[in-house]
C-alpha cells in the first residue's frame, strides 16, 4: 500500500530552490543524495499539518502560509508538494536532519540526481515559474 508524503520547495528571489543533503547512512533510502525537505504524513494528519510539523522538526522553520503546488502519484507514494518563497540564510538554520542545506539554480538541479524522483517535481516548478 502506498504511503502519503509531503515536501516543500523553498524558493528565493534568485530563482533558486533549497535542497537538503540526506544523511550518508547506508540503512536509509537514498543516502547522501540531495532531496526536498519533507516527510511522511502520520495517521490523522493532513498534508498541510505534516509539512508544518516536519519543517519545525527538521529545520525549525515555520511554514505557515505555504501553498500547495501539486500532488504527485508516484509508484510508492502520493506526494503533496508545497511552495514557500523565502530568503533564508542557510548558515542560520538549525539543521536537525540531513548533512547540509544548499540553494540550487535550475541548471544545478538539471545536473544533479535528486532522491525520491524529485527531479520531475523541481523541473515542473521551474517550468511553472518560467513557462
C-alpha atoms as a PDB file:
ATOM      1  CA  UNK A   1       0.000   0.000   0.000  1.00  0.00           C
ATOM      2  CA  UNK A   2       1.230   3.484  -0.860  1.00  0.00           C
ATOM      3  CA  UNK A   3       2.044   5.954   1.865  1.00  0.00           C
ATOM      4  CA  UNK A   4       1.483   9.706   1.763  1.00  0.00           C
ATOM      5  CA  UNK A   5       4.358  12.142   1.862  1.00  0.00           C
ATOM      6  CA  UNK A   6       4.826  15.877   1.859  1.00  0.00           C
ATOM      7  CA  UNK A   7       7.666  18.047   0.670  1.00  0.00           C
ATOM      8  CA  UNK A   8       8.284  21.740   0.242  1.00  0.00           C
ATOM      9  CA  UNK A   9      10.047  23.820  -2.351  1.00  0.00           C
ATOM     10  CA  UNK A  10      11.558  26.841  -0.666  1.00  0.00           C
ATOM     11  CA  UNK A  11      12.446  29.317  -3.411  1.00  0.00           C
ATOM     12  CA  UNK A  12      14.140  32.690  -3.283  1.00  0.00           C
ATOM     13  CA  UNK A  13      14.235  35.850  -5.407  1.00  0.00           C
ATOM     14  CA  UNK A  14      17.267  34.481  -7.311  1.00  0.00           C
ATOM     15  CA  UNK A  15      15.082  31.669  -8.687  1.00  0.00           C
ATOM     16  CA  UNK A  16      16.889  29.068  -6.603  1.00  0.00           C
ATOM     17  CA  UNK A  17      15.409  26.169  -4.642  1.00  0.00           C
ATOM     18  CA  UNK A  18      16.587  24.910  -1.262  1.00  0.00           C
ATOM     19  CA  UNK A  19      17.700  21.282  -1.117  1.00  0.00           C
ATOM     20  CA  UNK A  20      18.855  19.142   1.787  1.00  0.00           C
ATOM     21  CA  UNK A  21      21.712  16.654   1.574  1.00  0.00           C
ATOM     22  CA  UNK A  22      20.451  13.420   3.098  1.00  0.00           C
ATOM     23  CA  UNK A  23      22.496  11.746   5.809  1.00  0.00           C
ATOM     24  CA  UNK A  24      25.022   9.286   4.384  1.00  0.00           C
ATOM     25  CA  UNK A  25      23.697   6.319   6.363  1.00  0.00           C
ATOM     26  CA  UNK A  26      23.530   3.131   4.261  1.00  0.00           C
ATOM     27  CA  UNK A  27      20.365   1.886   6.005  1.00  0.00           C
ATOM     28  CA  UNK A  28      18.191   4.859   4.940  1.00  0.00           C
ATOM     29  CA  UNK A  29      16.682   5.368   1.484  1.00  0.00           C
ATOM     30  CA  UNK A  30      18.816   7.484  -0.867  1.00  0.00           C
ATOM     31  CA  UNK A  31      21.772   8.050   1.484  1.00  0.00           C
ATOM     32  CA  UNK A  32      23.962  11.025   0.620  1.00  0.00           C
ATOM     33  CA  UNK A  33      21.618  12.374  -2.075  1.00  0.00           C
ATOM     34  CA  UNK A  34      20.075  15.813  -2.420  1.00  0.00           C
ATOM     35  CA  UNK A  35      16.396  15.938  -1.504  1.00  0.00           C
ATOM     36  CA  UNK A  36      13.475  18.278  -0.940  1.00  0.00           C
ATOM     37  CA  UNK A  37      12.723  18.795   2.754  1.00  0.00           C
ATOM     38  CA  UNK A  38       9.650  16.895   3.923  1.00  0.00           C
ATOM     39  CA  UNK A  39       8.398  13.674   5.412  1.00  0.00           C
ATOM     40  CA  UNK A  40       5.659  11.109   5.916  1.00  0.00           C
ATOM     41  CA  UNK A  41       2.084  12.014   6.812  1.00  0.00           C
ATOM     42  CA  UNK A  42       1.117  10.446  10.135  1.00  0.00           C
ATOM     43  CA  UNK A  43      -2.339   8.902  10.772  1.00  0.00           C
ATOM     44  CA  UNK A  44      -4.967  11.589  11.311  1.00  0.00           C
ATOM     45  CA  UNK A  45      -2.696  14.329   9.968  1.00  0.00           C
ATOM     46  CA  UNK A  46      -3.403  16.436   6.885  1.00  0.00           C
ATOM     47  CA  UNK A  47      -0.604  17.091   4.377  1.00  0.00           C
ATOM     48  CA  UNK A  48      -0.523  20.759   5.452  1.00  0.00           C
ATOM     49  CA  UNK A  49      -0.189  19.767   9.115  1.00  0.00           C
ATOM     50  CA  UNK A  50       2.530  17.290   8.176  1.00  0.00           C
ATOM     51  CA  UNK A  51       4.699  19.772   6.286  1.00  0.00           C
ATOM     52  CA  UNK A  52       4.369  22.286   9.137  1.00  0.00           C
ATOM     53  CA  UNK A  53       5.403  19.647  11.704  1.00  0.00           C
ATOM     54  CA  UNK A  54       8.252  18.275   9.589  1.00  0.00           C
ATOM     55  CA  UNK A  55       9.777  21.712   8.957  1.00  0.00           C
ATOM     56  CA  UNK A  56       9.707  22.567  12.648  1.00  0.00           C
ATOM     57  CA  UNK A  57      11.324  19.195  13.466  1.00  0.00           C
ATOM     58  CA  UNK A  58      13.947  19.259  10.701  1.00  0.00           C
ATOM     59  CA  UNK A  59      14.951  22.911  10.341  1.00  0.00           C
ATOM     60  CA  UNK A  60      12.911  24.936  12.885  1.00  0.00           C
ATOM     61  CA  UNK A  61      11.187  26.959  10.137  1.00  0.00           C
ATOM     62  CA  UNK A  62       7.533  27.992  10.413  1.00  0.00           C
ATOM     63  CA  UNK A  63       5.926  27.419   7.015  1.00  0.00           C
ATOM     64  CA  UNK A  64       2.521  28.913   7.757  1.00  0.00           C
ATOM     65  CA  UNK A  65       1.161  30.426   4.586  1.00  0.00           C
ATOM     66  CA  UNK A  66       2.841  27.918   2.301  1.00  0.00           C
ATOM     67  CA  UNK A  67       0.691  26.873  -0.646  1.00  0.00           C
ATOM     68  CA  UNK A  68       0.069  23.533  -2.284  1.00  0.00           C
ATOM     69  CA  UNK A  69       1.894  23.381  -5.607  1.00  0.00           C
ATOM     70  CA  UNK A  70       0.799  19.938  -6.844  1.00  0.00           C
ATOM     71  CA  UNK A  71       0.245  16.387  -5.753  1.00  0.00           C
ATOM     72  CA  UNK A  72       2.082  13.546  -7.469  1.00  0.00           C
ATOM     73  CA  UNK A  73       1.111   9.899  -7.739  1.00  0.00           C
ATOM     74  CA  UNK A  74       4.463   8.083  -7.592  1.00  0.00           C
ATOM     75  CA  UNK A  75       4.701   4.289  -7.659  1.00  0.00           C
ATOM     76  CA  UNK A  76       5.480   4.127  -3.913  1.00  0.00           C
ATOM     77  CA  UNK A  77       3.538   7.126  -2.560  1.00  0.00           C
ATOM     78  CA  UNK A  78       1.285  10.079  -3.050  1.00  0.00           C
ATOM     79  CA  UNK A  79       3.368  13.219  -2.582  1.00  0.00           C
ATOM     80  CA  UNK A  80       1.938  16.643  -1.715  1.00  0.00           C
ATOM     81  CA  UNK A  81       4.386  19.369  -2.709  1.00  0.00           C
ATOM     82  CA  UNK A  82       4.110  22.798  -1.110  1.00  0.00           C
ATOM     83  CA  UNK A  83       5.734  26.119  -2.026  1.00  0.00           C
ATOM     84  CA  UNK A  84       7.154  28.859   0.178  1.00  0.00           C
ATOM     85  CA  UNK A  85       9.009  31.917  -1.053  1.00  0.00           C
ATOM     86  CA  UNK A  86      11.735  32.681   1.487  1.00  0.00           C
ATOM     87  CA  UNK A  87      15.057  34.487   1.610  1.00  0.00           C
ATOM     88  CA  UNK A  88      16.595  32.017   4.054  1.00  0.00           C
ATOM     89  CA  UNK A  89      20.179  32.345   5.233  1.00  0.00           C
ATOM     90  CA  UNK A  90      21.179  28.684   5.376  1.00  0.00           C
ATOM     91  CA  UNK A  91      24.067  29.422   7.756  1.00  0.00           C
ATOM     92  CA  UNK A  92      21.488  30.484  10.376  1.00  0.00           C
ATOM     93  CA  UNK A  93      19.213  27.442  10.043  1.00  0.00           C
ATOM     94  CA  UNK A  94      19.325  24.852  12.814  1.00  0.00           C
ATOM     95  CA  UNK A  95      19.565  21.545  10.946  1.00  0.00           C
ATOM     96  CA  UNK A  96      18.230  18.511  12.862  1.00  0.00           C
ATOM     97  CA  UNK A  97      18.173  16.123   9.921  1.00  0.00           C
ATOM     98  CA  UNK A  98      20.435  15.760   6.915  1.00  0.00           C
ATOM     99  CA  UNK A  99      24.022  16.875   6.460  1.00  0.00           C
ATOM    100  CA  UNK A 100      23.598  20.322   4.924  1.00  0.00           C
ATOM    101  CA  UNK A 101      21.357  22.712   3.006  1.00  0.00           C
ATOM    102  CA  UNK A 102      22.197  24.435  -0.274  1.00  0.00           C
ATOM    103  CA  UNK A 103      20.481  26.736  -2.747  1.00  0.00           C
ATOM    104  CA  UNK A 104      20.300  25.249  -6.259  1.00  0.00           C
ATOM    105  CA  UNK A 105      19.671  27.018  -9.555  1.00  0.00           C
ATOM    106  CA  UNK A 106      17.657  25.399 -12.334  1.00  0.00           C
ATOM    107  CA  UNK A 107      20.843  24.239 -14.098  1.00  0.00           C
ATOM    108  CA  UNK A 108      22.273  22.889 -10.808  1.00  0.00           C
ATOM    109  CA  UNK A 109      19.174  20.718 -10.385  1.00  0.00           C
ATOM    110  CA  UNK A 110      19.258  19.576 -14.007  1.00  0.00           C
ATOM    111  CA  UNK A 111      22.769  18.229 -13.374  1.00  0.00           C
ATOM    112  CA  UNK A 112      22.023  16.560 -10.020  1.00  0.00           C
ATOM    113  CA  UNK A 113      20.089  13.352  -9.402  1.00  0.00           C
ATOM    114  CA  UNK A 114      17.632  14.022  -6.581  1.00  0.00           C
ATOM    115  CA  UNK A 115      16.215  11.481  -4.127  1.00  0.00           C
ATOM    116  CA  UNK A 116      12.685  10.101  -4.487  1.00  0.00           C
ATOM    117  CA  UNK A 117      12.230  11.172  -8.111  1.00  0.00           C
ATOM    118  CA  UNK A 118      12.149  14.842  -7.167  1.00  0.00           C
ATOM    119  CA  UNK A 119      13.886  15.941 -10.395  1.00  0.00           C
ATOM    120  CA  UNK A 120      10.445  15.792 -12.041  1.00  0.00           C
ATOM    121  CA  UNK A 121       8.876  17.893  -9.268  1.00  0.00           C
ATOM    122  CA  UNK A 122      11.578  20.577  -9.313  1.00  0.00           C
ATOM    123  CA  UNK A 123      11.540  20.641 -13.119  1.00  0.00           C
ATOM    124  CA  UNK A 124       7.764  21.200 -13.011  1.00  0.00           C
ATOM    125  CA  UNK A 125       8.303  24.032 -10.529  1.00  0.00           C
ATOM    126  CA  UNK A 126      10.868  25.793 -12.734  1.00  0.00           C
ATOM    127  CA  UNK A 127       8.652  25.296 -15.799  1.00  0.00           C
ATOM    128  CA  UNK A 128       5.727  26.909 -13.929  1.00  0.00           C
ATOM    129  CA  UNK A 129       7.995  29.746 -12.786  1.00  0.00           C
ATOM    130  CA  UNK A 130       9.332  30.433 -16.279  1.00  0.00           C
ATOM    131  CA  UNK A 131       6.947  28.937 -18.850  1.00  0.00           C
END
